[in-house]
Amino acid sequence: MMGAMRVIVFALLSAVPGSILALFGYILIGRPDSWQNIQYVACYGPLFGCIALGAWYGIKVNRDEEMDA
């Protein structure tokens, strides 16, 4: 149970830098008024990429040091 909570917390906390990177991606592609499919990658890629990396890190960190109660 504690491992699942750690993964969720790390994933949610990593959404903050992912949102900032997505904002930079939006600015870098020129703030378009009309969207094409490839432009979604610049905004959603960093956000979901950071969430996935945070979840992966939450799985890897302190796996061997958990205490059984």
N, C-alpha and C. Protein backbone atom coordinates (compact mmCIF):
# COMPACT_ATOMS: atom_id res chain seq x y z
N MET A 1 0.83 -1.20 0.00
CA MET A 1 0.00 0.00 0.00
C MET A 1 0.87 1.25 0.00
N MET A 2 1.93 1.21 0.79
CA MET A 2 2.79 2.38 0.88
C MET A 2 3.50 2.64 -0.44
N GLY A 3 3.84 1.57 -1.16
CA GLY A 3 4.51 1.73 -2.44
C GLY A 3 3.61 2.41 -3.46
N ALA A 4 2.33 2.05 -3.46
CA ALA A 4 1.39 2.67 -4.40
C ALA A 4 1.22 4.15 -4.09
N MET A 5 1.15 4.49 -2.82
CA MET A 5 1.02 5.90 -2.44
C MET A 5 2.25 6.69 -2.85
N ARG A 6 3.42 6.08 -2.70
CA ARG A 6 4.66 6.75 -3.08
C ARG A 6 4.67 7.03 -4.58
N VAL A 7 4.23 6.07 -5.38
CA VAL A 7 4.18 6.25 -6.84
C VAL A 7 3.22 7.36 -7.19
N ILE A 8 2.06 7.39 -6.56
CA ILE A 8 1.06 8.43 -6.85
C ILE A 8 1.58 9.80 -6.45
N VAL A 9 2.19 9.91 -5.30
CA VAL A 9 2.71 11.21 -4.84
C VAL A 9 3.82 11.71 -5.75
N PHE A 10 4.75 10.84 -6.12
CA PHE A 10 5.83 11.25 -7.01
C PHE A 10 5.28 11.67 -8.37
N ALA A 11 4.28 10.95 -8.88
CA ALA A 11 3.70 11.29 -10.17
C ALA A 11 2.99 12.64 -10.11
N LEU A 12 2.25 12.88 -9.04
CA LEU A 12 1.53 14.16 -8.92
C LEU A 12 2.49 15.33 -8.72
N LEU A 13 3.54 15.11 -7.93
CA LEU A 13 4.50 16.19 -7.73
C LEU A 13 5.29 16.50 -9.00
N SER A 14 5.52 15.50 -9.81
CA SER A 14 6.26 15.74 -11.05
C SER A 14 5.40 16.41 -12.11
N ALA A 15 4.10 16.53 -11.88
CA ALA A 15 3.23 17.24 -12.81
C ALA A 15 3.52 18.74 -12.80
N VAL A 16 4.05 19.27 -11.71
CA VAL A 16 4.35 20.71 -11.62
C VAL A 16 5.45 21.10 -12.61
N PRO A 17 6.63 20.46 -12.58
CA PRO A 17 7.62 20.82 -13.60
C PRO A 17 7.17 20.44 -15.00
N GLY A 18 6.35 19.40 -15.12
CA GLY A 18 5.81 19.03 -16.43
C GLY A 18 4.91 20.11 -16.99
N SER A 19 4.13 20.76 -16.13
CA SER A 19 3.28 21.86 -16.58
C SER A 19 4.11 23.06 -17.02
N ILE A 20 5.18 23.32 -16.31
CA ILE A 20 6.06 24.43 -16.69
C ILE A 20 6.73 24.14 -18.02
N LEU A 21 7.20 22.91 -18.21
CA LEU A 21 7.80 22.55 -19.49
C LEU A 21 6.77 22.60 -20.62
N ALA A 22 5.53 22.22 -20.35
CA ALA A 22 4.48 22.29 -21.36
C ALA A 22 4.19 23.75 -21.74
N LEU A 23 4.23 24.64 -20.76
CA LEU A 23 4.05 26.06 -21.05
C LEU A 23 5.17 26.59 -21.93
N PHE A 24 6.41 26.19 -21.63
CA PHE A 24 7.54 26.59 -22.48
C PHE A 24 7.39 26.02 -23.89
N GLY A 25 6.91 24.79 -24.00
CA GLY A 25 6.67 24.21 -25.32
C GLY A 25 5.63 24.97 -26.09
N TYR A 26 4.58 25.40 -25.42
CA TYR A 26 3.53 26.19 -26.05
C TYR A 26 4.08 27.52 -26.55
N ILE A 27 4.92 28.14 -25.74
CA ILE A 27 5.51 29.42 -26.14
C ILE A 27 6.49 29.22 -27.29
N LEU A 28 7.27 28.14 -27.25
CA LEU A 28 8.26 27.89 -28.30
C LEU A 28 7.63 27.61 -29.66
N ILE A 29 6.44 27.00 -29.70
CA ILE A 29 5.82 26.74 -30.99
C ILE A 29 5.02 27.94 -31.49
N GLY A 30 5.07 29.03 -30.77
CA GLY A 30 4.51 30.28 -31.27
C GLY A 30 3.08 30.57 -30.89
N ARG A 31 2.55 29.95 -29.86
CA ARG A 31 1.19 30.20 -29.39
C ARG A 31 0.17 30.18 -30.53
N PRO A 32 -0.01 29.05 -31.18
CA PRO A 32 -0.88 29.00 -32.36
C PRO A 32 -2.36 29.17 -32.01
N ASP A 33 -3.09 29.78 -32.94
CA ASP A 33 -4.54 29.91 -32.78
C ASP A 33 -5.27 28.66 -33.26
N SER A 34 -4.79 28.09 -34.36
CA SER A 34 -5.36 26.84 -34.85
C SER A 34 -4.34 25.73 -34.66
N TRP A 35 -4.82 24.59 -34.18
CA TRP A 35 -3.93 23.50 -33.80
C TRP A 35 -3.90 22.43 -34.88
N GLN A 36 -2.71 21.85 -35.03
CA GLN A 36 -2.54 20.66 -35.85
C GLN A 36 -2.14 19.54 -34.90
N ASN A 37 -2.28 18.31 -35.35
CA ASN A 37 -2.05 17.17 -34.45
C ASN A 37 -0.65 17.12 -33.88
N ILE A 38 0.36 17.48 -34.64
CA ILE A 38 1.73 17.39 -34.16
C ILE A 38 2.01 18.42 -33.06
N GLN A 39 1.25 19.48 -33.01
CA GLN A 39 1.47 20.51 -32.00
C GLN A 39 1.05 20.06 -30.60
N TYR A 40 0.20 19.07 -30.52
CA TYR A 40 -0.19 18.56 -29.21
C TYR A 40 0.99 17.90 -28.49
N VAL A 41 1.94 17.38 -29.26
CA VAL A 41 3.11 16.74 -28.66
C VAL A 41 3.93 17.75 -27.87
N ALA A 42 4.02 18.98 -28.36
CA ALA A 42 4.82 20.01 -27.67
C ALA A 42 4.22 20.40 -26.33
N CYS A 43 2.92 20.27 -26.19
CA CYS A 43 2.28 20.65 -24.92
C CYS A 43 2.03 19.46 -24.00
N TYR A 44 1.54 18.36 -24.55
CA TYR A 44 1.19 17.22 -23.71
C TYR A 44 2.36 16.27 -23.48
N GLY A 45 3.33 16.27 -24.37
CA GLY A 45 4.49 15.38 -24.23
C GLY A 45 5.28 15.64 -22.95
N PRO A 46 5.69 16.89 -22.69
CA PRO A 46 6.44 17.14 -21.46
C PRO A 46 5.63 16.87 -20.19
N LEU A 47 4.36 17.18 -20.21
CA LEU A 47 3.52 16.97 -19.03
C LEU A 47 3.42 15.49 -18.69
N PHE A 48 2.98 14.69 -19.64
CA PHE A 48 2.81 13.27 -19.36
C PHE A 48 4.15 12.55 -19.26
N GLY A 49 5.17 13.07 -19.93
CA GLY A 49 6.51 12.50 -19.79
C GLY A 49 7.04 12.66 -18.38
N CYS A 50 6.86 13.85 -17.82
CA CYS A 50 7.31 14.08 -16.44
C CYS A 50 6.51 13.26 -15.44
N ILE A 51 5.22 13.11 -15.68
CA ILE A 51 4.40 12.28 -14.79
C ILE A 51 4.86 10.83 -14.85
N ALA A 52 5.16 10.34 -16.05
CA ALA A 52 5.64 8.96 -16.19
C ALA A 52 7.00 8.78 -15.53
N LEU A 53 7.89 9.75 -15.68
CA LEU A 53 9.20 9.66 -15.03
C LEU A 53 9.07 9.71 -13.51
N GLY A 54 8.16 10.54 -13.01
CA GLY A 54 7.94 10.60 -11.57
C GLY A 54 7.39 9.29 -11.02
N ALA A 55 6.48 8.67 -11.76
CA ALA A 55 5.94 7.38 -11.33
C ALA A 55 7.02 6.31 -11.37
N TRP A 56 7.84 6.33 -12.42
CA TRP A 56 8.94 5.36 -12.52
C TRP A 56 9.92 5.54 -11.36
N TYR A 57 10.24 6.79 -11.04
CA TYR A 57 11.15 7.04 -9.92
C TYR A 57 10.53 6.61 -8.60
N GLY A 58 9.23 6.81 -8.44
CA GLY A 58 8.55 6.37 -7.23
C GLY A 58 8.58 4.86 -7.06
N ILE A 59 8.59 4.14 -8.16
CA ILE A 59 8.69 2.68 -8.10
C ILE A 59 10.11 2.27 -7.71
N LYS A 60 11.11 2.96 -8.25
CA LYS A 60 12.50 2.56 -8.04
C LYS A 60 13.06 2.95 -6.68
N VAL A 61 12.65 4.07 -6.11
CA VAL A 61 13.30 4.61 -4.92
C VAL A 61 12.91 3.80 -3.67
N ASN A 62 13.89 3.52 -2.84
CA ASN A 62 13.72 2.86 -1.54
C ASN A 62 12.91 1.57 -1.59
N ARG A 63 13.06 0.82 -2.64
CA ARG A 63 12.31 -0.43 -2.75
C ARG A 63 12.80 -1.45 -1.72
N ASP A 64 14.08 -1.45 -1.44
CA ASP A 64 14.65 -2.44 -0.54
C ASP A 64 14.59 -2.02 0.93
N GLU A 65 14.31 -0.78 1.22
CA GLU A 65 14.38 -0.28 2.58
C GLU A 65 13.02 -0.15 3.25
N GLU A 66 11.98 -0.73 2.67
CA GLU A 66 10.67 -0.64 3.30
C GLU A 66 10.64 -1.50 4.55
N MET A 67 9.97 -0.99 5.56
CA MET A 67 9.86 -1.72 6.81
C MET A 67 8.50 -2.40 6.86
N ASP A 68 8.48 -3.63 7.30
CA ASP A 68 7.22 -4.35 7.46
C ASP A 68 6.69 -4.10 8.86
N ALA A 69 5.42 -3.72 8.93
CA ALA A 69 4.83 -3.43 10.24
C ALA A 69 4.04 -4.61 10.76
